[in-house]
Amino acid sequence: MLAGRPWDHMVDDPATPEEEAHHFEAHDDQHLWFRDNPSGNLEPFNPRVTCVHHRG
């Protein structure tokens, strides 16, 4: 836990599309946003961040 938020456990999922990272060791991680994230500074995603290459 960091500031009351549990760490995310990341495990390789071979069912994900090829352009995503594969063959990594299982690990725990925690995101930290230095700029304002309306979801919270420790949340994995920031709705204000966009990517012109995202298809979804």
PDB file of N, CA and C in Angstrom:
ATOM      1  N   MET A   1       0.853  -1.178   0.000  1.00  0.00           N
ATOM      2  CA  MET A   1       0.000   0.000   0.000  1.00  0.00           C
ATOM      3  C   MET A   1       0.895   1.236   0.000  1.00  0.00           C
ATOM      4  N   LEU A   2       0.429   2.237  -0.711  1.00  0.00           N
ATOM      5  CA  LEU A   2       1.095   3.537  -0.706  1.00  0.00           C
ATOM      6  C   LEU A   2       0.011   4.583  -0.531  1.00  0.00           C
ATOM      7  N   ALA A   3       0.064   5.308   0.544  1.00  0.00           N
ATOM      8  CA  ALA A   3      -0.929   6.340   0.852  1.00  0.00           C
ATOM      9  C   ALA A   3      -2.350   5.782   0.785  1.00  0.00           C
ATOM     10  N   GLY A   4      -2.531   4.547   1.266  1.00  0.00           N
ATOM     11  CA  GLY A   4      -3.850   3.927   1.311  1.00  0.00           C
ATOM     12  C   GLY A   4      -4.291   3.244   0.031  1.00  0.00           C
ATOM     13  N   ARG A   5      -3.474   3.257  -1.006  1.00  0.00           N
ATOM     14  CA  ARG A   5      -3.848   2.606  -2.270  1.00  0.00           C
ATOM     15  C   ARG A   5      -2.964   1.387  -2.493  1.00  0.00           C
ATOM     16  N   PRO A   6      -3.586   0.211  -2.743  1.00  0.00           N
ATOM     17  CA  PRO A   6      -2.779  -0.986  -2.995  1.00  0.00           C
ATOM     18  C   PRO A   6      -2.033  -0.893  -4.320  1.00  0.00           C
ATOM     19  N   TRP A   7      -0.924  -1.586  -4.399  1.00  0.00           N
ATOM     20  CA  TRP A   7      -0.145  -1.647  -5.634  1.00  0.00           C
ATOM     21  C   TRP A   7      -0.891  -2.518  -6.643  1.00  0.00           C
ATOM     22  N   ASP A   8      -0.670  -2.265  -7.931  1.00  0.00           N
ATOM     23  CA  ASP A   8      -1.268  -3.069  -8.999  1.00  0.00           C
ATOM     24  C   ASP A   8      -0.347  -4.245  -9.294  1.00  0.00           C
ATOM     25  N   HIS A   9      -0.913  -5.456  -9.343  1.00  0.00           N
ATOM     26  CA  HIS A   9      -0.129  -6.643  -9.673  1.00  0.00           C
ATOM     27  C   HIS A   9      -0.226  -6.854 -11.183  1.00  0.00           C
ATOM     28  N   MET A  10       0.912  -6.782 -11.855  1.00  0.00           N
ATOM     29  CA  MET A  10       0.966  -6.896 -13.311  1.00  0.00           C
ATOM     30  C   MET A  10       1.479  -8.281 -13.705  1.00  0.00           C
ATOM     31  N   VAL A  11       0.729  -8.952 -14.582  1.00  0.00           N
ATOM     32  CA  VAL A  11       1.105 -10.268 -15.078  1.00  0.00           C
ATOM     33  C   VAL A  11       0.951 -10.256 -16.586  1.00  0.00           C
ATOM     34  N   ASP A  12       1.915 -10.820 -17.287  1.00  0.00           N
ATOM     35  CA  ASP A  12       1.855 -10.892 -18.747  1.00  0.00           C
ATOM     36  C   ASP A  12       0.600 -11.653 -19.171  1.00  0.00           C
ATOM     37  N   ASP A  13      -0.139 -11.090 -20.102  1.00  0.00           N
ATOM     38  CA  ASP A  13      -1.344 -11.726 -20.638  1.00  0.00           C
ATOM     39  C   ASP A  13      -1.126 -11.974 -22.125  1.00  0.00           C
ATOM     40  N   PRO A  14      -0.860 -13.213 -22.528  1.00  0.00           N
ATOM     41  CA  PRO A  14      -0.591 -13.495 -23.933  1.00  0.00           C
ATOM     42  C   PRO A  14      -1.788 -13.231 -24.852  1.00  0.00           C
ATOM     43  N   ALA A  15      -2.968 -13.001 -24.280  1.00  0.00           N
ATOM     44  CA  ALA A  15      -4.158 -12.750 -25.100  1.00  0.00           C
ATOM     45  C   ALA A  15      -4.243 -11.294 -25.560  1.00  0.00           C
ATOM     46  N   THR A  16      -3.351 -10.418 -25.061  1.00  0.00           N
ATOM     47  CA  THR A  16      -3.393  -9.014 -25.476  1.00  0.00           C
ATOM     48  C   THR A  16      -2.797  -8.862 -26.873  1.00  0.00           C
ATOM     49  N   PRO A  17      -3.132  -7.771 -27.569  1.00  0.00           N
ATOM     50  CA  PRO A  17      -2.622  -7.559 -28.930  1.00  0.00           C
ATOM     51  C   PRO A  17      -1.091  -7.517 -28.976  1.00  0.00           C
ATOM     52  N   GLU A  18      -0.536  -7.833 -30.106  1.00  0.00           N
ATOM     53  CA  GLU A  18       0.912  -7.913 -30.293  1.00  0.00           C
ATOM     54  C   GLU A  18       1.647  -6.616 -29.981  1.00  0.00           C
ATOM     55  N   GLU A  19       1.015  -5.448 -30.206  1.00  0.00           N
ATOM     56  CA  GLU A  19       1.739  -4.194 -29.995  1.00  0.00           C
ATOM     57  C   GLU A  19       1.944  -3.869 -28.523  1.00  0.00           C
ATOM     58  N   GLU A  20       1.347  -4.636 -27.623  1.00  0.00           N
ATOM     59  CA  GLU A  20       1.560  -4.412 -26.201  1.00  0.00           C
ATOM     60  C   GLU A  20       2.783  -5.190 -25.730  1.00  0.00           C
ATOM     61  N   ALA A  21       3.335  -4.779 -24.596  1.00  0.00           N
ATOM     62  CA  ALA A  21       4.517  -5.453 -24.053  1.00  0.00           C
ATOM     63  C   ALA A  21       4.187  -6.896 -23.673  1.00  0.00           C
ATOM     64  N   HIS A  22       5.111  -7.777 -23.956  1.00  0.00           N
ATOM     65  CA  HIS A  22       4.958  -9.192 -23.607  1.00  0.00           C
ATOM     66  C   HIS A  22       6.246  -9.721 -23.013  1.00  0.00           C
ATOM     67  N   HIS A  23       6.138 -10.860 -22.369  1.00  0.00           N
ATOM     68  CA  HIS A  23       7.277 -11.602 -21.823  1.00  0.00           C
ATOM     69  C   HIS A  23       7.972 -10.859 -20.683  1.00  0.00           C
ATOM     70  N   PHE A  24       7.198 -10.173 -19.840  1.00  0.00           N
ATOM     71  CA  PHE A  24       7.797  -9.525 -18.674  1.00  0.00           C
ATOM     72  C   PHE A  24       7.494 -10.347 -17.434  1.00  0.00           C
ATOM     73  N   GLU A  25       8.339 -10.219 -16.440  1.00  0.00           N
ATOM     74  CA  GLU A  25       8.137 -10.903 -15.169  1.00  0.00           C
ATOM     75  C   GLU A  25       6.965 -10.269 -14.432  1.00  0.00           C
ATOM     76  N   ALA A  26       6.205 -11.093 -13.753  1.00  0.00           N
ATOM     77  CA  ALA A  26       5.117 -10.562 -12.914  1.00  0.00           C
ATOM     78  C   ALA A  26       5.720  -9.606 -11.880  1.00  0.00           C
ATOM     79  N   HIS A  27       5.020  -8.488 -11.625  1.00  0.00           N
ATOM     80  CA  HIS A  27       5.532  -7.500 -10.684  1.00  0.00           C
ATOM     81  C   HIS A  27       4.389  -6.642 -10.155  1.00  0.00           C
ATOM     82  N   ASP A  28       4.671  -5.909  -9.117  1.00  0.00           N
ATOM     83  CA  ASP A  28       3.728  -4.939  -8.570  1.00  0.00           C
ATOM     84  C   ASP A  28       4.220  -3.550  -8.950  1.00  0.00           C
ATOM     85  N   ASP A  29       3.286  -2.674  -9.303  1.00  0.00           N
ATOM     86  CA  ASP A  29       3.691  -1.307  -9.622  1.00  0.00           C
ATOM     87  C   ASP A  29       2.680  -0.304  -9.088  1.00  0.00           C
ATOM     88  N   GLN A  30       3.118   0.943  -9.030  1.00  0.00           N
ATOM     89  CA  GLN A  30       2.289   2.036  -8.524  1.00  0.00           C
ATOM     90  C   GLN A  30       2.558   3.252  -9.401  1.00  0.00           C
ATOM     91  N   HIS A  31       1.510   3.849  -9.907  1.00  0.00           N
ATOM     92  CA  HIS A  31       1.653   5.063 -10.708  1.00  0.00           C
ATOM     93  C   HIS A  31       1.677   6.284  -9.799  1.00  0.00           C
ATOM     94  N   LEU A  32       2.376   7.294 -10.251  1.00  0.00           N
ATOM     95  CA  LEU A  32       2.407   8.560  -9.539  1.00  0.00           C
ATOM     96  C   LEU A  32       2.367   9.675 -10.570  1.00  0.00           C
ATOM     97  N   TRP A  33       1.327  10.487 -10.504  1.00  0.00           N
ATOM     98  CA  TRP A  33       1.157  11.609 -11.430  1.00  0.00           C
ATOM     99  C   TRP A  33       1.663  12.871 -10.748  1.00  0.00           C
ATOM    100  N   PHE A  34       2.647  13.532 -11.360  1.00  0.00           N
ATOM    101  CA  PHE A  34       3.173  14.773 -10.808  1.00  0.00           C
ATOM    102  C   PHE A  34       2.285  15.962 -11.155  1.00  0.00           C
ATOM    103  N   ARG A  35       1.543  15.845 -12.233  1.00  0.00           N
ATOM    104  CA  ARG A  35       0.590  16.898 -12.599  1.00  0.00           C
ATOM    105  C   ARG A  35      -0.803  16.443 -12.171  1.00  0.00           C
ATOM    106  N   ASP A  36      -1.706  17.359 -12.143  1.00  0.00           N
ATOM    107  CA  ASP A  36      -3.053  17.093 -11.653  1.00  0.00           C
ATOM    108  C   ASP A  36      -3.738  15.966 -12.411  1.00  0.00           C
ATOM    109  N   ASN A  37      -4.172  14.954 -11.688  1.00  0.00           N
ATOM    110  CA  ASN A  37      -4.978  13.868 -12.229  1.00  0.00           C
ATOM    111  C   ASN A  37      -6.308  13.913 -11.481  1.00  0.00           C
ATOM    112  N   PRO A  38      -7.418  14.211 -12.163  1.00  0.00           N
ATOM    113  CA  PRO A  38      -8.700  14.304 -11.464  1.00  0.00           C
ATOM    114  C   PRO A  38      -9.109  12.984 -10.809  1.00  0.00           C
ATOM    115  N   SER A  39      -8.547  11.870 -11.254  1.00  0.00           N
ATOM    116  CA  SER A  39      -8.855  10.570 -10.655  1.00  0.00           C
ATOM    117  C   SER A  39      -8.052  10.325  -9.382  1.00  0.00           C
ATOM    118  N   GLY A  40      -6.979  11.085  -9.188  1.00  0.00           N
ATOM    119  CA  GLY A  40      -6.105  10.920  -8.027  1.00  0.00           C
ATOM    120  C   GLY A  40      -4.663  10.726  -8.464  1.00  0.00           C
ATOM    121  N   ASN A  41      -3.719  11.219  -7.675  1.00  0.00           N
ATOM    122  CA  ASN A  41      -2.311  11.176  -8.068  1.00  0.00           C
ATOM    123  C   ASN A  41      -1.717   9.777  -8.097  1.00  0.00           C
ATOM    124  N   LEU A  42      -2.384   8.779  -7.503  1.00  0.00           N
ATOM    125  CA  LEU A  42      -1.863   7.415  -7.499  1.00  0.00           C
ATOM    126  C   LEU A  42      -2.666   6.474  -8.398  1.00  0.00           C
ATOM    127  N   GLU A  43      -3.600   6.998  -9.145  1.00  0.00           N
ATOM    128  CA  GLU A  43      -4.416   6.151 -10.017  1.00  0.00           C
ATOM    129  C   GLU A  43      -3.667   5.826 -11.307  1.00  0.00           C
ATOM    130  N   PRO A  44      -3.883   4.625 -11.874  1.00  0.00           N
ATOM    131  CA  PRO A  44      -3.121   4.223 -13.055  1.00  0.00           C
ATOM    132  C   PRO A  44      -3.441   5.003 -14.324  1.00  0.00           C
ATOM    133  N   PHE A  45      -4.609   5.585 -14.415  1.00  0.00           N
ATOM    134  CA  PHE A  45      -4.978   6.296 -15.634  1.00  0.00           C
ATOM    135  C   PHE A  45      -5.398   7.727 -15.320  1.00  0.00           C
ATOM    136  N   ASN A  46      -5.098   8.627 -16.244  1.00  0.00           N
ATOM    137  CA  ASN A  46      -5.466  10.028 -16.117  1.00  0.00           C
ATOM    138  C   ASN A  46      -6.365  10.368 -17.306  1.00  0.00           C
ATOM    139  N   PRO A  47      -7.640  10.697 -17.070  1.00  0.00           N
ATOM    140  CA  PRO A  47      -8.550  10.968 -18.178  1.00  0.00           C
ATOM    141  C   PRO A  47      -8.155  12.191 -19.013  1.00  0.00           C
ATOM    142  N   ARG A  48      -7.245  13.014 -18.517  1.00  0.00           N
ATOM    143  CA  ARG A  48      -6.809  14.191 -19.280  1.00  0.00           C
ATOM    144  C   ARG A  48      -5.709  13.862 -20.285  1.00  0.00           C
ATOM    145  N   VAL A  49      -5.138  12.689 -20.201  1.00  0.00           N
ATOM    146  CA  VAL A  49      -4.058  12.287 -21.097  1.00  0.00           C
ATOM    147  C   VAL A  49      -4.673  11.580 -22.304  1.00  0.00           C
ATOM    148  N   THR A  50      -4.279  11.998 -23.488  1.00  0.00           N
ATOM    149  CA  THR A  50      -4.775  11.373 -24.706  1.00  0.00           C
ATOM    150  C   THR A  50      -3.590  10.969 -25.581  1.00  0.00           C
ATOM    151  N   CYS A  51      -3.875  10.135 -26.545  1.00  0.00           N
ATOM    152  CA  CYS A  51      -2.854   9.682 -27.482  1.00  0.00           C
ATOM    153  C   CYS A  51      -3.485   9.636 -28.873  1.00  0.00           C
ATOM    154  N   VAL A  52      -2.880  10.324 -29.817  1.00  0.00           N
ATOM    155  CA  VAL A  52      -3.438  10.369 -31.168  1.00  0.00           C
ATOM    156  C   VAL A  52      -3.401   8.996 -31.833  1.00  0.00           C
ATOM    157  N   HIS A  53      -2.591   8.076 -31.291  1.00  0.00           N
ATOM    158  CA  HIS A  53      -2.470   6.748 -31.895  1.00  0.00           C
ATOM    159  C   HIS A  53      -3.430   5.724 -31.280  1.00  0.00           C
ATOM    160  N   HIS A  54      -4.152   6.116 -30.239  1.00  0.00           N
ATOM    161  CA  HIS A  54      -5.055   5.182 -29.577  1.00  0.00           C
ATOM    162  C   HIS A  54      -6.245   4.851 -30.475  1.00  0.00           C
ATOM    163  N   ARG A  55      -6.515   3.562 -30.595  1.00  0.00           N
ATOM    164  CA  ARG A  55      -7.696   3.101 -31.322  1.00  0.00           C
ATOM    165  C   ARG A  55      -8.628   2.436 -30.321  1.00  0.00           C
ATOM    166  N   GLY A  56      -9.720   3.101 -29.978  1.00  0.00           N
ATOM    167  CA  GLY A  56     -10.576   2.466 -29.008  1.00  0.00           C
ATOM    168  C   GLY A  56     -11.850   3.117 -28.756  1.00  0.00           C
TER     169      GLY A  56
END
